[in-house]
């Protein structure tokens, strides 16, 4: 079941991304581009602060944010990243 809190969902998404990148011999430090999908753009400030906390200073990848009408399983946020391998 997906937590209905945008903060909790964003942290979980970032943790999931971190694990997927690790399995692919990469890391958050190797992310070059991210796309954030939100069901409510009013959540952008909260999501953006959490997103930034997972990256080191001066190593923020390019990103864009898009509002969508709905995400799978009732999620409020989804993040897609492009990263290079180590």
C-alpha atoms as a PDB file:
ATOM      1  CA  UNK A   1       0.000   0.000   0.000  1.00  0.00           C
ATOM      2  CA  UNK A   2       1.307   3.454  -0.903  1.00  0.00           C
ATOM      3  CA  UNK A   3       1.609   6.029   1.859  1.00  0.00           C
ATOM      4  CA  UNK A   4      -0.650   9.019   1.129  1.00  0.00           C
ATOM      5  CA  UNK A   5       1.901  11.558   2.400  1.00  0.00           C
ATOM      6  CA  UNK A   6       3.890  13.332  -0.336  1.00  0.00           C
ATOM      7  CA  UNK A   7       7.021  13.506   1.849  1.00  0.00           C
ATOM      8  CA  UNK A   8       6.957   9.790   2.619  1.00  0.00           C
ATOM      9  CA  UNK A   9       6.325   8.926  -1.029  1.00  0.00           C
ATOM     10  CA  UNK A  10       9.173  11.133  -2.229  1.00  0.00           C
ATOM     11  CA  UNK A  11      11.642   9.622   0.239  1.00  0.00           C
ATOM     12  CA  UNK A  12      10.564   6.118  -0.820  1.00  0.00           C
ATOM     13  CA  UNK A  13      10.922   6.954  -4.514  1.00  0.00           C
ATOM     14  CA  UNK A  14      14.435   8.309  -3.923  1.00  0.00           C
ATOM     15  CA  UNK A  15      15.414   5.234  -1.878  1.00  0.00           C
ATOM     16  CA  UNK A  16      14.090   3.001  -4.669  1.00  0.00           C
ATOM     17  CA  UNK A  17      16.052   4.941  -7.292  1.00  0.00           C
ATOM     18  CA  UNK A  18      19.203   4.664  -5.181  1.00  0.00           C
ATOM     19  CA  UNK A  19      18.821   0.859  -4.990  1.00  0.00           C
ATOM     20  CA  UNK A  20      18.088   0.476  -8.716  1.00  0.00           C
ATOM     21  CA  UNK A  21      21.146   2.555  -9.571  1.00  0.00           C
ATOM     22  CA  UNK A  22      23.291   0.509  -7.198  1.00  0.00           C
ATOM     23  CA  UNK A  23      22.126  -2.703  -8.891  1.00  0.00           C
ATOM     24  CA  UNK A  24      23.144  -1.171 -12.231  1.00  0.00           C
ATOM     25  CA  UNK A  25      26.635  -0.271 -10.947  1.00  0.00           C
ATOM     26  CA  UNK A  26      25.784   3.407 -10.739  1.00  0.00           C
ATOM     27  CA  UNK A  27      24.758   5.863  -8.024  1.00  0.00           C
ATOM     28  CA  UNK A  28      22.898   9.086  -7.379  1.00  0.00           C
ATOM     29  CA  UNK A  29      26.174  10.934  -8.000  1.00  0.00           C
ATOM     30  CA  UNK A  30      26.021   9.683 -11.594  1.00  0.00           C
ATOM     31  CA  UNK A  31      22.496  10.969 -12.333  1.00  0.00           C
ATOM     32  CA  UNK A  32      22.593  13.499 -15.173  1.00  0.00           C
ATOM     33  CA  UNK A  33      18.862  14.130 -15.689  1.00  0.00           C
ATOM     34  CA  UNK A  34      15.665  13.586 -13.743  1.00  0.00           C
ATOM     35  CA  UNK A  35      12.017  14.058 -14.583  1.00  0.00           C
ATOM     36  CA  UNK A  36       9.600  14.480 -11.688  1.00  0.00           C
ATOM     37  CA  UNK A  37       5.956  13.616 -12.320  1.00  0.00           C
ATOM     38  CA  UNK A  38       3.472  15.105  -9.838  1.00  0.00           C
ATOM     39  CA  UNK A  39      -0.284  14.757  -9.602  1.00  0.00           C
ATOM     40  CA  UNK A  40      -0.405  18.189  -7.926  1.00  0.00           C
ATOM     41  CA  UNK A  41       2.159  20.866  -8.770  1.00  0.00           C
ATOM     42  CA  UNK A  42       1.433  22.451  -5.381  1.00  0.00           C
ATOM     43  CA  UNK A  43       3.579  19.634  -3.950  1.00  0.00           C
ATOM     44  CA  UNK A  44       6.615  20.730  -5.965  1.00  0.00           C
ATOM     45  CA  UNK A  45       8.340  22.699  -3.184  1.00  0.00           C
ATOM     46  CA  UNK A  46       8.167  19.772  -0.751  1.00  0.00           C
ATOM     47  CA  UNK A  47       9.295  17.243  -3.351  1.00  0.00           C
ATOM     48  CA  UNK A  48      12.095  19.504  -4.574  1.00  0.00           C
ATOM     49  CA  UNK A  49      13.558  19.959  -1.077  1.00  0.00           C
ATOM     50  CA  UNK A  50      13.548  16.216  -0.453  1.00  0.00           C
ATOM     51  CA  UNK A  51      14.940  15.509  -3.945  1.00  0.00           C
ATOM     52  CA  UNK A  52      17.815  17.955  -3.376  1.00  0.00           C
ATOM     53  CA  UNK A  53      18.689  16.323  -0.048  1.00  0.00           C
ATOM     54  CA  UNK A  54      19.695  13.111  -1.849  1.00  0.00           C
ATOM     55  CA  UNK A  55      22.378  14.822  -3.926  1.00  0.00           C
ATOM     56  CA  UNK A  56      25.657  16.413  -2.940  1.00  0.00           C
ATOM     57  CA  UNK A  57      26.067  20.157  -3.215  1.00  0.00           C
ATOM     58  CA  UNK A  58      27.280  21.286  -6.652  1.00  0.00           C
ATOM     59  CA  UNK A  59      26.114  17.962  -8.100  1.00  0.00           C
ATOM     60  CA  UNK A  60      22.445  18.581  -8.766  1.00  0.00           C
ATOM     61  CA  UNK A  61      21.423  16.904 -12.022  1.00  0.00           C
ATOM     62  CA  UNK A  62      19.300  18.696 -14.572  1.00  0.00           C
ATOM     63  CA  UNK A  63      15.621  18.146 -13.834  1.00  0.00           C
ATOM     64  CA  UNK A  64      12.177  18.999 -15.007  1.00  0.00           C
ATOM     65  CA  UNK A  65       8.817  18.653 -13.317  1.00  0.00           C
ATOM     66  CA  UNK A  66       5.544  17.794 -15.014  1.00  0.00           C
ATOM     67  CA  UNK A  67       2.035  17.723 -13.603  1.00  0.00           C
ATOM     68  CA  UNK A  68       0.050  14.661 -14.641  1.00  0.00           C
ATOM     69  CA  UNK A  69      -3.571  13.779 -14.032  1.00  0.00           C
ATOM     70  CA  UNK A  70      -2.837  10.388 -12.481  1.00  0.00           C
ATOM     71  CA  UNK A  71      -0.001   7.996 -11.626  1.00  0.00           C
ATOM     72  CA  UNK A  72      -0.106   4.210 -11.249  1.00  0.00           C
ATOM     73  CA  UNK A  73      -1.407   2.801  -7.957  1.00  0.00           C
ATOM     74  CA  UNK A  74      -2.556   6.227  -6.786  1.00  0.00           C
ATOM     75  CA  UNK A  75       0.973   7.553  -6.316  1.00  0.00           C
ATOM     76  CA  UNK A  76       1.429  11.305  -5.890  1.00  0.00           C
ATOM     77  CA  UNK A  77       4.990  11.423  -7.252  1.00  0.00           C
ATOM     78  CA  UNK A  78       7.135   9.452  -9.668  1.00  0.00           C
ATOM     79  CA  UNK A  79      10.721  10.260 -10.584  1.00  0.00           C
ATOM     80  CA  UNK A  80      12.581   9.029 -13.662  1.00  0.00           C
ATOM     81  CA  UNK A  81      16.362   9.376 -13.835  1.00  0.00           C
ATOM     82  CA  UNK A  82      19.093   8.968 -16.421  1.00  0.00           C
ATOM     83  CA  UNK A  83      22.470   8.049 -14.988  1.00  0.00           C
ATOM     84  CA  UNK A  84      25.849   6.937 -16.237  1.00  0.00           C
ATOM     85  CA  UNK A  85      27.570   3.814 -14.999  1.00  0.00           C
ATOM     86  CA  UNK A  86      30.617   4.073 -12.767  1.00  0.00           C
END
